[in-house]
Amino acid sequence: MQQFERGVTERFRPEVPSVGWSWRLIVFSTIVAIAAVLLYAGMEYGYRSVLESERNSLEQELAQVDMSINAADQNNLINFYSQIYNMQNLLRDHITISNLFSFLEPNTNSKVQYTQLNMNLDSYSIDISGTAPSMDAIVNQLEAFRRQPMIAGLVLRKADSNQGGDGGTLNLAPENQTPASGFNFTINLTLSRDFFKQL
């Protein structure tokens, strides 16, 4: 039995941890450290001198190119670049009025006819005068403008009958609106600041 007990205790005895690091780990760490030191030394003393010599040769080439171009050509190049830069800024900030027509065309009621367009670029406001066969057509046109995100403000300045007779005052009674009658109107649109740049 003693022999059996001794075999069991030896088998299940806890393993005693070894003191210190394994010699393989120490060798690997030493190799990595030496490689890092060699790499640093190579970069510091070898590659840096290569980069310095390339930089010096490039500076010499630039100095030669700089000397080969005379002062008049340099001034012409500077003036040309300045003109290009200024034109680029002007074109970026340029207001293109023709964009207004691209906006009006799809947003105009087919029953409405424009007769006059006045524009104030300082306030980004447009007065549009026109004719329409009915007040419904004018209201539909106002609604079409109101739905556009580029319109900051919308005012109906005038709407009167173009039948004449009583001084052109607006009478909305249905019996006064014969099929031959029509209405003159003036709408004021205030456009957003980016209107002419986004179209």
Protein backbone atom coordinates (compact mmCIF):
# COMPACT_ATOMS: atom_id res chain seq x y z
CA MET A 1 0.00 0.00 0.00
CA GLN A 2 2.80 2.34 0.75
CA GLN A 3 4.06 1.91 -2.71
CA PHE A 4 0.63 2.67 -4.12
CA GLU A 5 0.28 5.77 -1.98
CA ARG A 6 3.70 7.04 -2.92
CA GLY A 7 2.94 6.66 -6.66
CA VAL A 8 -0.33 8.59 -6.29
CA THR A 9 1.32 11.41 -4.34
CA GLU A 10 4.11 11.67 -6.84
CA ARG A 11 1.67 11.74 -9.69
CA PHE A 12 -0.62 14.39 -8.25
CA ARG A 13 2.02 16.45 -6.50
CA PRO A 14 1.79 20.10 -7.50
CA GLU A 15 4.56 21.25 -9.80
CA VAL A 16 7.05 23.60 -8.20
CA PRO A 17 7.49 26.71 -10.32
CA SER A 18 11.00 27.28 -11.55
CA VAL A 19 12.74 30.40 -10.34
CA GLY A 20 13.85 32.96 -13.03
CA TRP A 21 13.23 33.10 -16.75
CA SER A 22 13.77 30.44 -19.25
CA TRP A 23 17.10 30.72 -21.07
CA ARG A 24 15.23 30.71 -24.43
CA LEU A 25 13.26 33.81 -23.49
CA ILE A 26 16.44 35.61 -22.43
CA VAL A 27 18.18 34.76 -25.74
CA PHE A 28 15.15 35.90 -27.79
CA SER A 29 14.88 39.18 -25.87
CA THR A 30 18.61 39.81 -26.31
CA ILE A 31 18.39 39.23 -30.08
CA VAL A 32 15.41 41.59 -30.38
CA ALA A 33 17.19 44.28 -28.33
CA ILE A 34 20.37 43.99 -30.41
CA ALA A 35 18.34 44.16 -33.65
CA ALA A 36 16.55 47.30 -32.41
CA VAL A 37 19.85 48.97 -31.47
CA LEU A 38 21.37 48.07 -34.85
CA LEU A 39 18.32 49.35 -36.70
CA TYR A 40 18.40 52.63 -34.79
CA ALA A 41 22.13 53.06 -35.39
CA GLY A 42 21.70 52.29 -39.09
CA MET A 43 18.88 54.84 -39.42
CA GLU A 44 20.71 57.47 -37.40
CA TYR A 45 24.15 57.23 -38.98
CA GLY A 46 23.53 55.60 -42.35
CA TYR A 47 20.12 56.66 -43.68
CA ARG A 48 20.24 60.18 -42.23
CA SER A 49 23.43 60.92 -44.18
CA VAL A 50 21.78 59.61 -47.37
CA LEU A 51 18.76 61.88 -46.81
CA GLU A 52 21.00 64.86 -46.06
CA SER A 53 22.97 64.36 -49.27
CA GLU A 54 19.74 64.06 -51.32
CA ARG A 55 18.35 67.21 -49.72
CA ASN A 56 21.56 69.12 -50.48
CA SER A 57 21.54 67.97 -54.10
CA LEU A 58 17.88 69.01 -54.49
CA GLU A 59 18.61 72.42 -52.98
CA GLN A 60 21.47 72.85 -55.45
CA GLU A 61 19.19 71.91 -58.36
CA LEU A 62 16.54 74.39 -57.16
CA ALA A 63 19.15 77.11 -56.89
CA GLN A 64 20.28 76.38 -60.46
CA VAL A 65 16.69 76.46 -61.75
CA ASP A 66 16.08 79.68 -59.84
CA MET A 67 19.16 81.25 -61.43
CA SER A 68 18.16 80.04 -64.91
CA ILE A 69 14.85 81.95 -64.79
CA ASN A 70 15.36 85.68 -65.09
CA ALA A 71 13.59 88.22 -62.87
CA ALA A 72 11.23 89.38 -65.64
CA ASP A 73 9.94 85.85 -66.20
CA GLN A 74 9.50 85.36 -62.47
CA ASN A 75 7.46 88.57 -62.24
CA ASN A 76 5.37 87.49 -65.25
CA LEU A 77 4.68 84.15 -63.60
CA ILE A 78 3.70 85.82 -60.32
CA ASN A 79 1.39 88.23 -62.17
CA PHE A 80 -0.17 85.40 -64.15
CA TYR A 81 -0.79 83.35 -61.01
CA SER A 82 -2.27 86.39 -59.31
CA GLN A 83 -4.65 86.94 -62.23
CA ILE A 84 -5.73 83.29 -62.21
CA TYR A 85 -6.31 83.39 -58.46
CA ASN A 86 -8.35 86.61 -58.71
CA MET A 87 -10.42 85.25 -61.61
CA GLN A 88 -11.13 82.10 -59.63
CA ASN A 89 -12.40 84.19 -56.71
CA LEU A 90 -14.50 86.37 -58.99
CA LEU A 91 -16.08 83.41 -60.72
CA ARG A 92 -16.82 81.72 -57.41
CA ASP A 93 -18.64 84.83 -56.15
CA HIS A 94 -20.17 85.74 -59.52
CA ILE A 95 -23.92 86.05 -59.66
CA THR A 96 -25.43 84.29 -62.65
CA ILE A 97 -28.75 85.89 -63.44
CA SER A 98 -29.56 83.35 -66.15
CA ASN A 99 -30.08 80.84 -63.34
CA LEU A 100 -33.24 82.75 -62.49
CA PHE A 101 -34.82 81.69 -65.78
CA SER A 102 -33.89 78.07 -65.11
CA PHE A 103 -35.73 78.42 -61.81
CA LEU A 104 -38.82 80.21 -63.19
CA GLU A 105 -39.45 77.87 -66.10
CA PRO A 106 -40.40 74.70 -64.17
CA ASN A 107 -42.07 76.67 -61.35
CA THR A 108 -44.49 78.71 -63.45
CA ASN A 109 -48.16 77.85 -63.73
CA SER A 110 -49.10 77.21 -67.38
CA LYS A 111 -52.00 79.69 -67.10
CA VAL A 112 -49.75 82.53 -65.92
CA GLN A 113 -47.90 84.88 -68.26
CA TYR A 114 -45.12 87.16 -67.05
CA THR A 115 -45.01 90.66 -68.51
CA GLN A 116 -42.26 92.31 -66.50
CA LEU A 117 -39.42 91.33 -64.20
CA ASN A 118 -37.49 93.80 -62.02
CA MET A 119 -34.56 92.64 -59.96
CA ASN A 120 -32.66 94.23 -57.07
CA LEU A 121 -29.42 92.34 -56.50
CA ASP A 122 -28.59 94.26 -53.33
CA SER A 123 -31.65 92.92 -51.53
CA TYR A 124 -32.00 89.71 -53.59
CA SER A 125 -35.55 90.69 -54.39
CA ILE A 126 -37.50 90.26 -57.62
CA ASP A 127 -40.77 91.90 -58.66
CA ILE A 128 -42.62 89.78 -61.22
CA SER A 129 -45.62 91.28 -63.00
CA GLY A 130 -47.94 89.24 -65.14
CA THR A 131 -51.44 88.25 -66.12
CA ALA A 132 -53.58 85.27 -65.21
CA PRO A 133 -57.09 84.25 -66.27
CA SER A 134 -58.30 83.78 -62.68
CA MET A 135 -57.41 84.39 -59.08
CA ASP A 136 -57.04 80.62 -58.68
CA ALA A 137 -54.16 80.67 -61.16
CA ILE A 138 -52.48 83.46 -59.19
CA VAL A 139 -52.98 81.58 -55.91
CA ASN A 140 -51.58 78.40 -57.47
CA GLN A 141 -48.56 80.36 -58.70
CA LEU A 142 -48.00 81.81 -55.21
CA GLU A 143 -48.20 78.32 -53.74
CA ALA A 144 -45.68 76.99 -56.27
CA PHE A 145 -43.23 79.74 -55.24
CA ARG A 146 -43.93 79.21 -51.53
CA ARG A 147 -42.90 75.56 -51.74
CA GLN A 148 -39.45 76.38 -53.10
CA PRO A 149 -36.70 76.32 -50.42
CA MET A 150 -34.66 79.00 -52.22
CA ILE A 151 -37.46 81.56 -51.76
CA ALA A 152 -36.95 83.38 -48.44
CA GLY A 153 -39.98 85.68 -48.73
CA LEU A 154 -43.09 85.99 -50.87
CA VAL A 155 -45.52 88.94 -51.11
CA LEU A 156 -48.45 89.52 -53.47
CA ARG A 157 -48.13 93.26 -54.05
CA LYS A 158 -51.00 93.74 -56.44
CA ALA A 159 -53.83 91.77 -58.01
CA ASP A 160 -56.52 93.56 -59.98
CA SER A 161 -58.92 92.85 -62.77
CA ASN A 162 -57.76 93.81 -66.24
CA GLN A 163 -61.34 94.32 -67.47
CA GLY A 164 -61.18 98.05 -66.79
CA GLY A 165 -64.42 99.98 -66.24
CA ASP A 166 -64.43 100.55 -62.48
CA GLY A 167 -60.80 101.68 -62.19
CA GLY A 168 -59.36 98.18 -62.16
CA THR A 169 -60.37 97.37 -58.59
CA LEU A 170 -60.48 93.74 -57.64
CA ASN A 171 -63.94 92.29 -57.29
CA LEU A 172 -63.86 88.62 -56.37
CA ALA A 173 -67.55 87.99 -56.83
CA PRO A 174 -68.01 84.96 -59.14
CA GLU A 175 -70.57 86.73 -61.35
CA ASN A 176 -67.96 89.35 -62.30
CA GLN A 177 -65.45 86.74 -63.47
CA THR A 178 -66.43 85.94 -67.01
CA PRO A 179 -64.25 83.58 -69.07
CA ALA A 180 -62.83 86.53 -71.06
CA SER A 181 -61.75 88.37 -67.91
CA GLY A 182 -58.29 88.21 -66.42
CA PHE A 183 -56.15 89.63 -63.65
CA ASN A 184 -52.95 91.59 -63.51
CA PHE A 185 -50.66 90.82 -60.60
CA THR A 186 -47.30 91.72 -59.12
CA ILE A 187 -45.45 89.27 -56.91
CA ASN A 188 -42.36 90.14 -54.88
CA LEU A 189 -39.94 87.29 -54.25
CA THR A 190 -37.06 87.56 -51.79
CA LEU A 191 -34.44 84.99 -52.69
CA SER A 192 -32.02 83.30 -50.34
CA ARG A 193 -28.40 84.49 -50.47
CA ASP A 194 -27.22 81.29 -52.18
CA PHE A 195 -29.88 81.32 -54.90
CA PHE A 196 -27.63 82.32 -57.78
CA LYS A 197 -24.75 80.10 -56.69
CA GLN A 198 -26.67 76.85 -56.22
CA LEU A 199 -28.53 76.65 -59.50
